[in-house]
Protein backbone atom coordinates (compact mmCIF):
# COMPACT_ATOMS: atom_id res chain seq x y z
CA UNK A 1 8.73 -6.84 -8.77
CA UNK A 2 10.40 -4.92 -11.60
CA UNK A 3 8.70 -1.74 -13.92
CA UNK A 4 11.71 -0.78 -15.10
CA UNK A 5 14.02 2.51 -14.89
CA UNK A 6 13.62 5.44 -12.07
CA UNK A 7 11.96 8.19 -13.50
CA UNK A 8 12.94 11.90 -13.40
CA UNK A 9 11.74 14.05 -10.15
CA UNK A 10 11.61 17.35 -9.91
CA UNK A 11 11.28 17.70 -6.22
CA UNK A 12 13.97 17.82 -3.39
CA UNK A 13 14.73 13.96 -2.90
CA UNK A 14 13.68 14.75 1.18
CA UNK A 15 14.46 12.89 4.20
CA UNK A 16 15.70 9.74 4.71
CA UNK A 17 15.09 9.57 8.07
CA UNK A 18 11.42 10.48 7.96
CA UNK A 19 10.91 8.22 4.95
CA UNK A 20 12.28 4.93 7.30
CA UNK A 21 10.47 6.65 10.09
CA UNK A 22 7.36 6.06 8.11
CA UNK A 23 7.82 2.75 6.00
CA UNK A 24 8.75 1.04 9.74
CA UNK A 25 5.66 2.43 11.27
CA UNK A 26 3.54 1.06 8.28
CA UNK A 27 4.88 -2.23 8.32
CA UNK A 28 4.46 -2.43 12.29
CA UNK A 29 0.95 -1.68 11.95
CA UNK A 30 0.58 -4.18 9.19
CA UNK A 31 2.03 -7.21 11.13
CA UNK A 32 0.26 -5.98 14.25
CA UNK A 33 -3.34 -6.42 12.63
CA UNK A 34 -2.54 -8.59 10.11
CA UNK A 35 -3.27 -12.01 12.75
CA UNK A 36 -6.33 -10.31 14.06
CA UNK A 37 -7.47 -9.87 10.35
CA UNK A 38 -6.87 -13.72 9.83
CA UNK A 39 -8.67 -14.97 12.55
CA UNK A 40 -11.86 -12.12 11.89
CA UNK A 41 -11.86 -14.25 8.51
CA UNK A 42 -11.63 -17.95 9.63
CA UNK A 43 -14.31 -17.06 11.94
CA UNK A 44 -16.08 -15.25 9.14
CA UNK A 45 -17.71 -12.36 11.32
CA UNK A 46 -18.33 -8.83 10.06
CA UNK A 47 -15.43 -7.35 11.30
CA UNK A 48 -13.58 -9.17 8.55
CA UNK A 49 -14.79 -6.48 6.06
CA UNK A 50 -14.63 -3.56 8.72
CA UNK A 51 -10.95 -3.96 10.01
CA UNK A 52 -9.34 -3.39 6.20
CA UNK A 53 -11.10 0.04 6.02
CA UNK A 54 -9.63 0.87 9.25
CA UNK A 55 -6.43 -0.22 8.65
CA UNK A 56 -6.29 1.42 5.13
CA UNK A 57 -7.54 5.12 6.78
CA UNK A 58 -4.59 4.67 9.49
CA UNK A 59 -2.05 3.72 6.81
CA UNK A 60 -3.47 6.42 4.61
CA UNK A 61 -2.30 8.96 7.74
CA UNK A 62 0.79 7.24 8.40
CA UNK A 63 2.52 7.00 4.99
CA UNK A 64 1.19 10.68 4.26
CA UNK A 65 -1.83 10.44 2.13
CA UNK A 66 -4.61 13.05 3.10
CA UNK A 67 -7.81 12.23 1.64
CA UNK A 68 -10.37 14.50 0.21
CA UNK A 69 -13.71 13.18 -0.39
CA UNK A 70 -16.42 14.55 -2.93
CA UNK A 71 -19.96 13.40 -3.53
CA UNK A 72 -21.85 10.68 -1.37
CA UNK A 73 -20.73 7.00 -1.57
CA UNK A 74 -23.36 4.48 -2.43
CA UNK A 75 -25.23 2.93 0.13
CA UNK A 76 -26.80 0.31 -2.21
CA UNK A 77 -25.64 -3.39 -1.38
CA UNK A 78 -23.99 -4.41 -3.25
CA UNK A 79 -22.13 -1.79 -5.34
CA UNK A 80 -19.76 -2.43 -8.11
CA UNK A 81 -17.60 0.78 -8.02
CA UNK A 82 -15.71 1.67 -11.09
CA UNK A 83 -12.25 3.35 -10.68
CA UNK A 84 -9.28 4.37 -12.96
CA UNK A 85 -6.19 3.07 -11.70
CA UNK A 86 -3.05 5.43 -11.05
CA UNK A 87 -0.72 3.75 -8.46
CA UNK A 88 -1.19 0.80 -5.61
CA UNK A 89 -2.09 3.71 -3.68
CA UNK A 90 -5.38 3.78 -4.71
CA UNK A 91 -5.73 1.02 -2.36
CA UNK A 92 -5.33 2.09 0.84
CA UNK A 93 -7.20 5.33 -0.88
CA UNK A 94 -10.10 3.63 -1.40
CA UNK A 95 -9.63 0.81 0.77
CA UNK A 96 -10.11 3.61 3.37
CA UNK A 97 -13.41 4.53 2.23
CA UNK A 98 -15.25 1.82 0.90
CA UNK A 99 -16.24 -1.13 2.54
CA UNK A 100 -15.75 -3.98 0.11
CA UNK A 101 -13.22 -6.13 -1.58
CA UNK A 102 -11.11 -5.49 -4.81
CA UNK A 103 -11.09 -7.22 -8.03
CA UNK A 104 -7.18 -7.74 -9.41
CA UNK A 105 -5.24 -9.59 -11.78
CA UNK A 106 -4.13 -12.93 -10.55
CA UNK A 107 -0.69 -12.16 -10.38
CA UNK A 108 -1.31 -9.59 -7.23
CA UNK A 109 -1.58 -12.55 -5.24
CA UNK A 110 2.13 -13.67 -5.21
CA UNK A 111 3.18 -10.47 -4.51
CA UNK A 112 5.32 -9.82 -1.32
CA UNK A 113 3.22 -8.10 1.13
CA UNK A 114 1.32 -6.82 -0.82
CA UNK A 115 -0.02 -10.08 -2.12
CA UNK A 116 -1.00 -11.04 1.55
CA UNK A 117 -2.76 -7.74 2.30
CA UNK A 118 -4.70 -8.41 -0.87
CA UNK A 119 -5.52 -11.97 0.72
CA UNK A 120 -6.44 -10.41 3.85
CA UNK A 121 -8.93 -8.33 2.36
CA UNK A 122 -10.84 -11.28 -0.11
CA UNK A 123 -9.98 -9.98 -2.80
CA UNK A 124 -11.35 -11.45 -6.42
CA UNK A 125 -8.58 -12.51 -8.43
CA UNK A 126 -9.06 -12.60 -12.34
CA UNK A 127 -7.19 -14.16 -15.11
CA UNK A 128 -7.32 -11.58 -17.81
CA UNK A 129 -6.19 -13.83 -20.62
CA UNK A 130 -8.03 -14.30 -23.40
CA UNK A 131 -11.27 -17.24 -23.09
CA UNK A 132 -11.73 -16.87 -19.61
CA UNK A 133 -14.10 -14.13 -19.29
CA UNK A 134 -16.94 -16.21 -18.25
CA UNK A 135 -15.47 -17.61 -15.19
CA UNK A 136 -14.49 -14.01 -13.95
CA UNK A 137 -18.00 -12.95 -14.71
CA UNK A 138 -19.69 -15.82 -12.39
CA UNK A 139 -16.51 -15.68 -9.68
CA UNK A 140 -17.34 -11.93 -9.31
CA UNK A 141 -21.25 -12.75 -9.17
CA UNK A 142 -21.20 -14.78 -6.55
CA UNK A 143 -19.08 -12.16 -4.21
CA UNK A 144 -22.23 -9.53 -5.31
CA UNK A 145 -24.45 -12.58 -4.52
CA UNK A 146 -23.40 -12.67 -1.05
CA UNK A 147 -23.75 -9.21 -0.51
CA UNK A 148 -20.51 -8.06 -1.12
CA UNK A 149 -19.42 -4.44 -2.41
CA UNK A 150 -16.41 -4.80 -5.37
CA UNK A 151 -13.70 -2.30 -6.39
CA UNK A 152 -13.28 -2.62 -10.53
CA UNK A 153 -10.48 -0.97 -12.23
CA UNK A 154 -11.45 -1.37 -15.76
CA UNK A 155 -8.25 -0.01 -17.69
CA UNK A 156 -6.97 -3.08 -16.75
CA UNK A 157 -3.37 -1.64 -15.69
CA UNK A 158 -2.36 1.39 -14.12
CA UNK A 159 -2.14 4.90 -15.77
CA UNK A 160 0.71 7.73 -15.34
CA UNK A 161 -1.60 10.03 -13.66
CA UNK A 162 -2.35 12.25 -16.14
CA UNK A 163 -4.88 10.65 -17.85
CA UNK A 164 -7.45 7.86 -17.98
CA UNK A 165 -6.83 5.24 -20.49
CA UNK A 166 -9.80 3.36 -21.87
CA UNK A 167 -12.34 1.25 -19.93
CA UNK A 168 -12.51 -2.53 -21.32
CA UNK A 169 -16.23 -3.17 -21.30
CA UNK A 170 -15.51 -6.94 -20.81
CA UNK A 171 -14.44 -6.32 -17.09
CA UNK A 172 -18.15 -4.52 -16.48
CA UNK A 173 -19.68 -7.78 -18.09
CA UNK A 174 -20.97 -8.88 -14.33
CA UNK A 175 -22.85 -5.67 -14.45
CA UNK A 176 -25.23 -7.42 -16.82
CA UNK A 177 -26.62 -9.69 -14.47
CA UNK A 178 -28.80 -9.02 -11.36
CA UNK A 179 -27.44 -9.39 -7.89
CA UNK A 180 -29.87 -10.07 -5.14
CA UNK A 181 -32.90 -10.10 -7.56
CA UNK A 182 -32.52 -6.52 -8.75
CA UNK A 183 -29.74 -4.77 -11.34
CA UNK A 184 -26.50 -4.33 -9.89
CA UNK A 185 -25.46 -0.28 -8.83
CA UNK A 186 -22.69 0.88 -10.75
CA UNK A 187 -21.06 3.82 -9.17
CA UNK A 188 -18.20 5.28 -11.23
CA UNK A 189 -15.29 7.15 -8.60
CA UNK A 190 -12.17 9.58 -9.59
CA UNK A 191 -8.97 9.35 -7.97
CA UNK A 192 -6.69 12.38 -8.85
CA UNK A 193 -3.51 13.07 -6.72
CA UNK A 194 -3.63 16.91 -6.93
CA UNK A 195 -1.01 17.69 -4.57
CA UNK A 196 2.44 16.84 -3.48
CA UNK A 197 4.67 18.43 -0.15
CA UNK A 198 1.90 21.44 -0.31
CA UNK A 199 2.32 21.94 -3.72
CA UNK A 200 0.43 21.39 -6.97
CA UNK A 201 1.18 18.49 -8.38
CA UNK A 202 3.05 19.68 -11.63
CA UNK A 203 3.80 17.21 -14.34
CA UNK A 204 7.03 16.20 -13.99
CA UNK A 205 6.26 15.03 -9.75
CA UNK A 206 3.11 12.70 -11.37
CA UNK A 207 5.74 9.76 -11.28
CA UNK A 208 5.69 10.25 -7.13
CA UNK A 209 2.52 8.81 -7.25
CA UNK A 210 1.69 6.94 -10.45
CA UNK A 211 3.05 3.56 -10.76
CA UNK A 212 3.81 2.77 -14.21
CA UNK A 213 5.31 1.27 -16.89
CA UNK A 214 8.34 -0.97 -15.20
CA UNK A 215 9.11 1.42 -12.46
CA UNK A 216 10.40 -0.77 -9.48
CA UNK A 217 7.61 -1.03 -6.32
CA UNK A 218 10.62 -0.83 -3.28
CA UNK A 219 12.40 2.44 -5.31
CA UNK A 220 8.68 4.06 -6.01
CA UNK A 221 7.28 3.41 -2.36
CA UNK A 222 10.87 4.91 -0.62
CA UNK A 223 10.76 8.09 -3.44
CA UNK A 224 7.13 8.80 -1.73
CA UNK A 225 7.79 8.25 1.44
CA UNK A 226 10.56 10.39 1.78
CA UNK A 227 8.46 13.57 -0.01
CA UNK A 228 4.98 12.70 1.34
CA UNK A 229 2.41 14.24 1.99
CA UNK A 230 0.32 14.08 -0.71
CA UNK A 231 -3.48 15.08 -1.27
CA UNK A 232 -5.62 12.59 -3.34
CA UNK A 233 -9.21 14.01 -4.31
CA UNK A 234 -11.61 10.92 -4.44
CA UNK A 235 -14.92 12.15 -6.82
CA UNK A 236 -18.14 9.23 -6.25
CA UNK A 237 -20.39 10.30 -9.26
CA UNK A 238 -24.10 9.53 -8.90
CA UNK A 239 -24.80 5.96 -8.89
CA UNK A 240 -26.41 4.23 -12.40
CA UNK A 241 -27.11 0.62 -13.10
CA UNK A 242 -27.12 -1.21 -16.65
CA UNK A 243 -30.78 -0.54 -16.92
CA UNK A 244 -30.03 3.06 -17.63
CA UNK A 245 -28.68 2.07 -21.01
CA UNK A 246 -28.65 0.27 -24.06
CA UNK A 247 -25.87 -1.62 -23.74
CA UNK A 248 -22.86 -2.40 -21.74
CA UNK A 249 -20.43 -0.41 -24.12
CA UNK A 250 -22.73 2.42 -23.32
CA UNK A 251 -22.39 1.87 -20.02
CA UNK A 252 -18.73 1.50 -19.72
CA UNK A 253 -18.44 4.78 -22.09
CA UNK A 254 -20.88 6.87 -19.27
CA UNK A 255 -18.27 5.22 -16.75
CA UNK A 256 -14.63 6.23 -18.24
CA UNK A 257 -16.57 10.08 -19.57
CA UNK A 258 -17.64 10.24 -15.61
CA UNK A 259 -14.26 9.38 -14.02
CA UNK A 260 -12.19 10.76 -16.83
CA UNK A 261 -14.02 14.43 -16.79
CA UNK A 262 -13.39 14.08 -12.58
CA UNK A 263 -10.10 13.14 -12.68
CA UNK A 264 -9.70 16.62 -15.07
CA UNK A 265 -11.32 18.60 -12.92
CA UNK A 266 -9.39 17.51 -9.87
CA UNK A 267 -6.19 18.12 -11.55
CA UNK A 268 -7.10 21.47 -12.78
CA UNK A 269 -8.02 22.56 -9.20
CA UNK A 270 -12.20 22.66 -10.39
CA UNK A 271 -14.99 21.50 -8.26
């Protein structure tokens, strides 16, 4: 998976030994738990949604992601969590807190390792080409009607960690429908990477966490593993529904405003 040239980093390159150790243990845990999750999926038991939370929580500790939670996580079932998207690190961070599945672009399913992991968490894949919106909405609706929470990244791509890209209202079209006989609960979520190696996260060091442009996945993960740990602030904003707004466009703008403000406050040390 190539996403292009390496970026400039301000920090010392870190320890290759500890980087290799972190990645080795992470891979070992993944290989050990994957067969168990596969069995749970085949048997369709409740543990199939609980094990991923345990796995992501453990992986956050192993690779050096210290998660700080702000606000309260929606307890409504189902809930559509709407978050900004900075990196593939968002997956273990949010996965450690939310019992649910992610919405991802179709090509993620073919990625090595991460594609397999996404299938283990029952990821809903969407094709973002024009003319497929109706089918995507139906696929999401089926999962919500079954009582499954979903995590959606409406930017449509990852950002550079310094700002939140505009949200695409088409990706929130499922919010216009009812889920289990009532308006779907939507909760905006801000994910911000604020500290790296116990130091405030400066502009020049955001590429250690943010994955964007043409960065390579393997190289990016290796850089971070050598310089970890990092602090991540996850803020859950007040839940809402489409009934609170005049249109999907207004709902989308509200989510964007809450998420972008939350990110800006966290990056500037505000609470």
